[in-house]
Amino acid sequence: MTQSTHQELEVFYDAACPLCRREIDLVRRLDRDGRIAFTDIAGEDFVPPAPLRRAELVARIHARLPDGTILEGVEVFRRMYAAVGLAPFVAVTRLQPISWALDRGYDWFARNRLRITGRCTDDTCEA
C-alpha cells in the first residue's frame, strides 16, 4: 500500500469479525482527515506485507507506520484513537494499572475472539 503523506498508520483488521468491524467502522467515521489506512485481512485476495504472515495478523491486530515499523495489540488502538483526535484519552490508557489491564484484556480477547463471535471451526478453536 502506498500511504499518502498525511496518513499516520495502516491498520490490518479482520472485517469478518463483527466486533472488529464495529470498532473499525467507528474509527473510520472519526477519521475525517484520512490519517488511517484500513486494510481488511479477511479477503481471499489479501497478501500480507513482509515480514508479517497471515496467522500473525489473524491472531492479533497489527498496524504499520509510514516508516515500516509494525505495531500490534493495544498500541494499535492507541495510535488509531490518537490519530482521530483522542490523544488525551489515549494518554490515560498508558497509566498503570490501566495499561496493564488493557494489555491483559486485549490478550484474552485476541485468544478468544473467534469463540466470542461464534466463528470457531475445528481448525480455528480448540475443542
N, C-alpha and C. Protein backbone atom coordinates (compact mmCIF):
# COMPACT_ATOMS: atom_id res chain seq x y z
N MET A 1 0.84 -1.18 0.00
CA MET A 1 0.00 0.00 0.00
C MET A 1 0.87 1.23 0.00
N THR A 2 0.52 2.22 -0.78
CA THR A 2 1.24 3.48 -0.77
C THR A 2 0.47 4.46 0.08
N GLN A 3 1.07 4.88 1.18
CA GLN A 3 0.38 5.80 2.06
C GLN A 3 0.64 7.23 1.63
N SER A 4 -0.39 8.08 1.75
CA SER A 4 -0.18 9.49 1.49
C SER A 4 0.58 10.09 2.65
N THR A 5 1.09 11.29 2.45
CA THR A 5 1.97 11.89 3.45
C THR A 5 1.26 12.20 4.76
N HIS A 6 -0.06 12.32 4.74
CA HIS A 6 -0.76 12.65 5.98
C HIS A 6 -1.24 11.42 6.75
N GLN A 7 -1.11 10.25 6.20
CA GLN A 7 -1.54 9.05 6.92
C GLN A 7 -0.52 8.69 7.99
N GLU A 8 -1.04 8.40 9.18
CA GLU A 8 -0.20 8.09 10.31
C GLU A 8 0.03 6.60 10.49
N LEU A 9 -0.89 5.78 9.98
CA LEU A 9 -0.71 4.34 10.08
C LEU A 9 -1.67 3.60 9.18
N GLU A 10 -1.30 2.35 8.89
CA GLU A 10 -2.15 1.42 8.17
C GLU A 10 -2.54 0.34 9.16
N VAL A 11 -3.84 0.14 9.33
CA VAL A 11 -4.35 -0.84 10.29
C VAL A 11 -4.83 -2.07 9.53
N PHE A 12 -4.35 -3.24 9.94
CA PHE A 12 -4.75 -4.52 9.38
C PHE A 12 -5.82 -5.11 10.30
N TYR A 13 -7.03 -5.28 9.78
CA TYR A 13 -8.14 -5.74 10.62
C TYR A 13 -8.92 -6.84 9.91
N ASP A 14 -9.66 -7.60 10.69
CA ASP A 14 -10.44 -8.73 10.20
C ASP A 14 -11.89 -8.29 10.04
N ALA A 15 -12.29 -7.95 8.82
CA ALA A 15 -13.66 -7.49 8.57
C ALA A 15 -14.69 -8.60 8.74
N ALA A 16 -14.25 -9.86 8.80
CA ALA A 16 -15.17 -10.96 9.03
C ALA A 16 -15.54 -11.08 10.51
N CYS A 17 -14.84 -10.37 11.38
CA CYS A 17 -15.11 -10.36 12.82
C CYS A 17 -16.08 -9.21 13.11
N PRO A 18 -17.30 -9.52 13.57
CA PRO A 18 -18.28 -8.45 13.78
C PRO A 18 -17.83 -7.41 14.81
N LEU A 19 -17.19 -7.82 15.88
CA LEU A 19 -16.72 -6.85 16.87
C LEU A 19 -15.58 -6.00 16.33
N CYS A 20 -14.68 -6.63 15.59
CA CYS A 20 -13.56 -5.90 14.99
C CYS A 20 -14.08 -4.89 13.97
N ARG A 21 -15.01 -5.33 13.15
CA ARG A 21 -15.56 -4.45 12.12
C ARG A 21 -16.28 -3.26 12.75
N ARG A 22 -16.99 -3.48 13.84
CA ARG A 22 -17.70 -2.39 14.53
C ARG A 22 -16.71 -1.35 15.05
N GLU A 23 -15.62 -1.81 15.63
CA GLU A 23 -14.58 -0.90 16.14
C GLU A 23 -13.97 -0.09 14.99
N ILE A 24 -13.63 -0.76 13.91
CA ILE A 24 -13.02 -0.10 12.76
C ILE A 24 -14.01 0.88 12.13
N ASP A 25 -15.28 0.51 12.03
CA ASP A 25 -16.28 1.41 11.48
C ASP A 25 -16.38 2.69 12.30
N LEU A 26 -16.31 2.57 13.62
CA LEU A 26 -16.33 3.75 14.50
C LEU A 26 -15.12 4.63 14.22
N VAL A 27 -13.94 4.04 14.20
CA VAL A 27 -12.72 4.82 13.97
C VAL A 27 -12.74 5.44 12.58
N ARG A 28 -13.22 4.70 11.60
CA ARG A 28 -13.31 5.23 10.23
C ARG A 28 -14.19 6.48 10.19
N ARG A 29 -15.31 6.46 10.91
CA ARG A 29 -16.19 7.65 10.97
C ARG A 29 -15.49 8.83 11.64
N LEU A 30 -14.69 8.54 12.65
CA LEU A 30 -13.97 9.61 13.35
C LEU A 30 -12.78 10.14 12.56
N ASP A 31 -12.31 9.37 11.61
CA ASP A 31 -11.10 9.71 10.84
C ASP A 31 -11.44 10.65 9.67
N ARG A 32 -11.88 11.83 9.99
CA ARG A 32 -12.32 12.79 8.98
C ARG A 32 -11.18 13.30 8.10
N ASP A 33 -9.95 13.24 8.60
CA ASP A 33 -8.80 13.75 7.85
C ASP A 33 -8.04 12.65 7.10
N GLY A 34 -8.54 11.43 7.13
CA GLY A 34 -7.91 10.34 6.39
C GLY A 34 -6.52 10.01 6.87
N ARG A 35 -6.31 10.01 8.17
CA ARG A 35 -4.98 9.73 8.74
C ARG A 35 -4.68 8.23 8.85
N ILE A 36 -5.73 7.41 8.68
CA ILE A 36 -5.55 5.96 8.84
C ILE A 36 -5.96 5.26 7.56
N ALA A 37 -5.13 4.32 7.13
CA ALA A 37 -5.49 3.43 6.03
C ALA A 37 -5.95 2.12 6.67
N PHE A 38 -7.07 1.61 6.21
CA PHE A 38 -7.63 0.38 6.76
C PHE A 38 -7.51 -0.73 5.73
N THR A 39 -6.88 -1.84 6.12
CA THR A 39 -6.68 -2.97 5.23
C THR A 39 -7.34 -4.20 5.83
N ASP A 40 -8.32 -4.74 5.09
CA ASP A 40 -9.06 -5.92 5.52
C ASP A 40 -8.24 -7.17 5.22
N ILE A 41 -7.94 -7.94 6.26
CA ILE A 41 -7.14 -9.16 6.08
C ILE A 41 -8.01 -10.38 5.79
N ALA A 42 -9.34 -10.22 5.81
CA ALA A 42 -10.24 -11.37 5.65
C ALA A 42 -10.45 -11.76 4.19
N GLY A 43 -10.16 -10.88 3.28
CA GLY A 43 -10.40 -11.18 1.88
C GLY A 43 -9.46 -12.25 1.34
N GLU A 44 -9.97 -13.07 0.44
CA GLU A 44 -9.15 -14.14 -0.14
C GLU A 44 -7.98 -13.60 -0.94
N ASP A 45 -8.10 -12.37 -1.46
CA ASP A 45 -7.04 -11.80 -2.28
C ASP A 45 -6.01 -11.02 -1.46
N PHE A 46 -6.20 -10.95 -0.12
CA PHE A 46 -5.25 -10.23 0.72
C PHE A 46 -3.91 -10.97 0.78
N VAL A 47 -2.84 -10.22 0.57
CA VAL A 47 -1.49 -10.77 0.67
C VAL A 47 -0.78 -10.00 1.78
N PRO A 48 -0.37 -10.68 2.85
CA PRO A 48 0.28 -9.98 3.96
C PRO A 48 1.58 -9.31 3.51
N PRO A 49 1.81 -8.10 3.97
CA PRO A 49 3.07 -7.44 3.63
C PRO A 49 4.21 -8.04 4.46
N ALA A 50 5.36 -8.20 3.84
CA ALA A 50 6.53 -8.71 4.58
C ALA A 50 6.85 -7.72 5.69
N PRO A 51 7.22 -8.14 6.85
CA PRO A 51 7.54 -9.51 7.26
C PRO A 51 6.36 -10.23 7.92
N LEU A 52 5.17 -9.67 7.82
CA LEU A 52 4.02 -10.25 8.50
C LEU A 52 3.49 -11.48 7.76
N ARG A 53 2.89 -12.37 8.55
CA ARG A 53 2.23 -13.55 7.99
C ARG A 53 0.76 -13.52 8.37
N ARG A 54 -0.05 -14.17 7.57
CA ARG A 54 -1.50 -14.17 7.81
C ARG A 54 -1.84 -14.64 9.23
N ALA A 55 -1.20 -15.68 9.70
CA ALA A 55 -1.50 -16.20 11.05
C ALA A 55 -1.26 -15.15 12.12
N GLU A 56 -0.21 -14.37 11.99
CA GLU A 56 0.06 -13.29 12.95
C GLU A 56 -1.04 -12.23 12.92
N LEU A 57 -1.45 -11.87 11.71
CA LEU A 57 -2.46 -10.83 11.54
C LEU A 57 -3.82 -11.29 12.04
N VAL A 58 -4.11 -12.58 11.91
CA VAL A 58 -5.38 -13.12 12.40
C VAL A 58 -5.37 -13.20 13.93
N ALA A 59 -4.23 -13.49 14.50
CA ALA A 59 -4.12 -13.69 15.95
C ALA A 59 -4.25 -12.40 16.75
N ARG A 60 -3.75 -11.29 16.20
CA ARG A 60 -3.75 -10.01 16.91
C ARG A 60 -3.83 -8.87 15.90
N ILE A 61 -4.43 -7.77 16.30
CA ILE A 61 -4.48 -6.62 15.42
C ILE A 61 -3.07 -6.05 15.24
N HIS A 62 -2.78 -5.63 14.02
CA HIS A 62 -1.47 -5.05 13.68
C HIS A 62 -1.66 -3.75 12.91
N ALA A 63 -0.63 -2.93 12.94
CA ALA A 63 -0.60 -1.70 12.14
C ALA A 63 0.83 -1.48 11.68
N ARG A 64 0.95 -0.69 10.62
CA ARG A 64 2.26 -0.35 10.09
C ARG A 64 2.35 1.16 10.00
N LEU A 65 3.44 1.71 10.54
CA LEU A 65 3.69 3.14 10.46
C LEU A 65 4.29 3.47 9.10
N PRO A 66 4.28 4.74 8.70
CA PRO A 66 4.85 5.11 7.40
C PRO A 66 6.32 4.70 7.23
N ASP A 67 7.07 4.61 8.33
CA ASP A 67 8.49 4.20 8.22
C ASP A 67 8.66 2.69 8.18
N GLY A 68 7.54 1.93 8.20
CA GLY A 68 7.59 0.47 8.14
C GLY A 68 7.54 -0.22 9.49
N THR A 69 7.61 0.52 10.57
CA THR A 69 7.53 -0.06 11.92
C THR A 69 6.18 -0.75 12.09
N ILE A 70 6.21 -1.96 12.64
CA ILE A 70 5.00 -2.74 12.88
C ILE A 70 4.60 -2.62 14.35
N LEU A 71 3.33 -2.36 14.59
CA LEU A 71 2.76 -2.30 15.93
C LEU A 71 1.74 -3.42 16.05
N GLU A 72 1.46 -3.83 17.29
CA GLU A 72 0.41 -4.83 17.49
C GLU A 72 -0.28 -4.62 18.82
N GLY A 73 -1.45 -5.22 18.94
CA GLY A 73 -2.19 -5.19 20.20
C GLY A 73 -2.73 -3.82 20.55
N VAL A 74 -2.76 -3.52 21.83
CA VAL A 74 -3.35 -2.29 22.36
C VAL A 74 -2.71 -1.05 21.76
N GLU A 75 -1.43 -1.12 21.45
CA GLU A 75 -0.77 0.06 20.88
C GLU A 75 -1.41 0.47 19.56
N VAL A 76 -1.94 -0.46 18.79
CA VAL A 76 -2.63 -0.13 17.54
C VAL A 76 -3.86 0.73 17.86
N PHE A 77 -4.63 0.33 18.86
CA PHE A 77 -5.81 1.10 19.24
C PHE A 77 -5.41 2.48 19.74
N ARG A 78 -4.36 2.56 20.51
CA ARG A 78 -3.88 3.87 20.99
C ARG A 78 -3.54 4.78 19.81
N ARG A 79 -2.80 4.25 18.85
CA ARG A 79 -2.40 5.06 17.69
C ARG A 79 -3.61 5.45 16.85
N MET A 80 -4.58 4.53 16.70
CA MET A 80 -5.78 4.86 15.93
C MET A 80 -6.54 6.01 16.58
N TYR A 81 -6.77 5.88 17.88
CA TYR A 81 -7.56 6.90 18.56
C TYR A 81 -6.81 8.22 18.68
N ALA A 82 -5.50 8.19 18.81
CA ALA A 82 -4.72 9.43 18.81
C ALA A 82 -4.81 10.10 17.43
N ALA A 83 -4.78 9.32 16.37
CA ALA A 83 -4.83 9.85 15.00
C ALA A 83 -6.15 10.57 14.71
N VAL A 84 -7.21 10.18 15.40
CA VAL A 84 -8.51 10.81 15.16
C VAL A 84 -8.84 11.88 16.20
N GLY A 85 -7.84 12.30 16.96
CA GLY A 85 -8.02 13.42 17.87
C GLY A 85 -8.33 13.09 19.31
N LEU A 86 -8.17 11.86 19.71
CA LEU A 86 -8.48 11.48 21.09
C LEU A 86 -7.23 11.22 21.92
N ALA A 87 -6.17 11.97 21.64
CA ALA A 87 -4.90 11.79 22.35
C ALA A 87 -5.02 11.92 23.87
N PRO A 88 -5.84 12.85 24.41
CA PRO A 88 -5.97 12.91 25.88
C PRO A 88 -6.49 11.60 26.48
N PHE A 89 -7.45 10.98 25.80
CA PHE A 89 -7.97 9.68 26.24
C PHE A 89 -6.86 8.63 26.17
N VAL A 90 -6.11 8.65 25.08
CA VAL A 90 -5.03 7.69 24.88
C VAL A 90 -3.98 7.81 25.98
N ALA A 91 -3.67 9.03 26.38
CA ALA A 91 -2.66 9.24 27.44
C ALA A 91 -3.06 8.52 28.72
N VAL A 92 -4.33 8.52 29.04
CA VAL A 92 -4.82 7.83 30.25
C VAL A 92 -4.58 6.33 30.14
N THR A 93 -4.67 5.77 28.94
CA THR A 93 -4.50 4.33 28.76
C THR A 93 -3.06 3.88 28.96
N ARG A 94 -2.14 4.82 29.01
CA ARG A 94 -0.73 4.48 29.23
C ARG A 94 -0.37 4.44 30.72
N LEU A 95 -1.27 4.91 31.57
CA LEU A 95 -1.02 4.92 33.01
C LEU A 95 -1.18 3.52 33.58
N GLN A 96 -0.38 3.20 34.60
CA GLN A 96 -0.53 1.93 35.31
C GLN A 96 -1.55 2.13 36.42
N PRO A 97 -2.39 1.21 36.73
CA PRO A 97 -2.51 -0.14 36.20
C PRO A 97 -3.43 -0.25 34.98
N ILE A 98 -3.89 0.89 34.45
CA ILE A 98 -4.79 0.86 33.30
C ILE A 98 -4.13 0.17 32.11
N SER A 99 -2.88 0.52 31.83
CA SER A 99 -2.16 -0.07 30.70
C SER A 99 -2.06 -1.59 30.86
N TRP A 100 -1.70 -2.01 32.04
CA TRP A 100 -1.57 -3.45 32.31
C TRP A 100 -2.91 -4.15 32.08
N ALA A 101 -4.00 -3.57 32.60
CA ALA A 101 -5.32 -4.18 32.46
C ALA A 101 -5.76 -4.23 30.99
N LEU A 102 -5.50 -3.18 30.25
CA LEU A 102 -5.86 -3.17 28.83
C LEU A 102 -5.06 -4.23 28.06
N ASP A 103 -3.78 -4.34 28.34
CA ASP A 103 -2.95 -5.35 27.67
C ASP A 103 -3.47 -6.75 27.96
N ARG A 104 -3.76 -7.06 29.23
CA ARG A 104 -4.27 -8.38 29.59
C ARG A 104 -5.65 -8.62 28.98
N GLY A 105 -6.50 -7.60 29.02
CA GLY A 105 -7.84 -7.74 28.45
C GLY A 105 -7.79 -7.99 26.95
N TYR A 106 -6.92 -7.27 26.25
CA TYR A 106 -6.81 -7.49 24.81
C TYR A 106 -6.21 -8.86 24.51
N ASP A 107 -5.21 -9.27 25.27
CA ASP A 107 -4.63 -10.60 25.08
C ASP A 107 -5.71 -11.68 25.20
N TRP A 108 -6.58 -11.55 26.21
CA TRP A 108 -7.66 -12.51 26.40
C TRP A 108 -8.62 -12.47 25.21
N PHE A 109 -9.03 -11.26 24.82
CA PHE A 109 -9.94 -11.12 23.69
C PHE A 109 -9.35 -11.72 22.42
N ALA A 110 -8.09 -11.41 22.13
CA ALA A 110 -7.45 -11.91 20.91
C ALA A 110 -7.44 -13.44 20.88
N ARG A 111 -7.18 -14.06 22.02
CA ARG A 111 -7.16 -15.52 22.09
C ARG A 111 -8.55 -16.13 21.92
N ASN A 112 -9.58 -15.37 22.27
CA ASN A 112 -10.94 -15.91 22.32
C ASN A 112 -11.93 -15.29 21.34
N ARG A 113 -11.47 -14.39 20.47
CA ARG A 113 -12.42 -13.64 19.65
C ARG A 113 -13.21 -14.51 18.68
N LEU A 114 -12.62 -15.57 18.17
CA LEU A 114 -13.38 -16.44 17.27
C LEU A 114 -14.51 -17.13 18.02
N ARG A 115 -14.23 -17.55 19.23
CA ARG A 115 -15.25 -18.18 20.06
C ARG A 115 -16.34 -17.16 20.45
N ILE A 116 -15.91 -15.97 20.85
CA ILE A 116 -16.84 -14.91 21.26
C ILE A 116 -17.77 -14.52 20.12
N THR A 117 -17.25 -14.48 18.91
CA THR A 117 -18.04 -14.05 17.76
C THR A 117 -18.71 -15.22 17.03
N GLY A 118 -18.63 -16.43 17.59
CA GLY A 118 -19.30 -17.59 17.01
C GLY A 118 -18.68 -18.06 15.71
N ARG A 119 -17.37 -17.89 15.56
CA ARG A 119 -16.71 -18.27 14.32
C ARG A 119 -15.71 -19.40 14.50
N CYS A 120 -15.88 -20.20 15.53
CA CYS A 120 -14.98 -21.33 15.75
C CYS A 120 -15.25 -22.43 14.73
N THR A 121 -14.16 -23.04 14.29
CA THR A 121 -14.23 -24.24 13.47
C THR A 121 -13.23 -25.22 14.08
N ASP A 122 -13.22 -26.45 13.55
CA ASP A 122 -12.25 -27.42 14.05
C ASP A 122 -10.83 -26.92 13.84
N ASP A 123 -10.62 -26.11 12.81
CA ASP A 123 -9.27 -25.62 12.50
C ASP A 123 -8.89 -24.38 13.31
N THR A 124 -9.87 -23.61 13.81
CA THR A 124 -9.55 -22.33 14.45
C THR A 124 -9.65 -22.31 15.96
N CYS A 125 -10.39 -23.21 16.55
CA CYS A 125 -10.55 -23.20 18.01
C CYS A 125 -10.30 -24.59 18.57
N GLU A 126 -9.72 -24.61 19.74
CA GLU A 126 -9.51 -25.90 20.42
C GLU A 126 -10.83 -26.47 20.88
N ALA A 127 -10.90 -27.76 20.96
CA ALA A 127 -12.12 -28.44 21.41
C ALA A 127 -12.37 -28.15 22.86
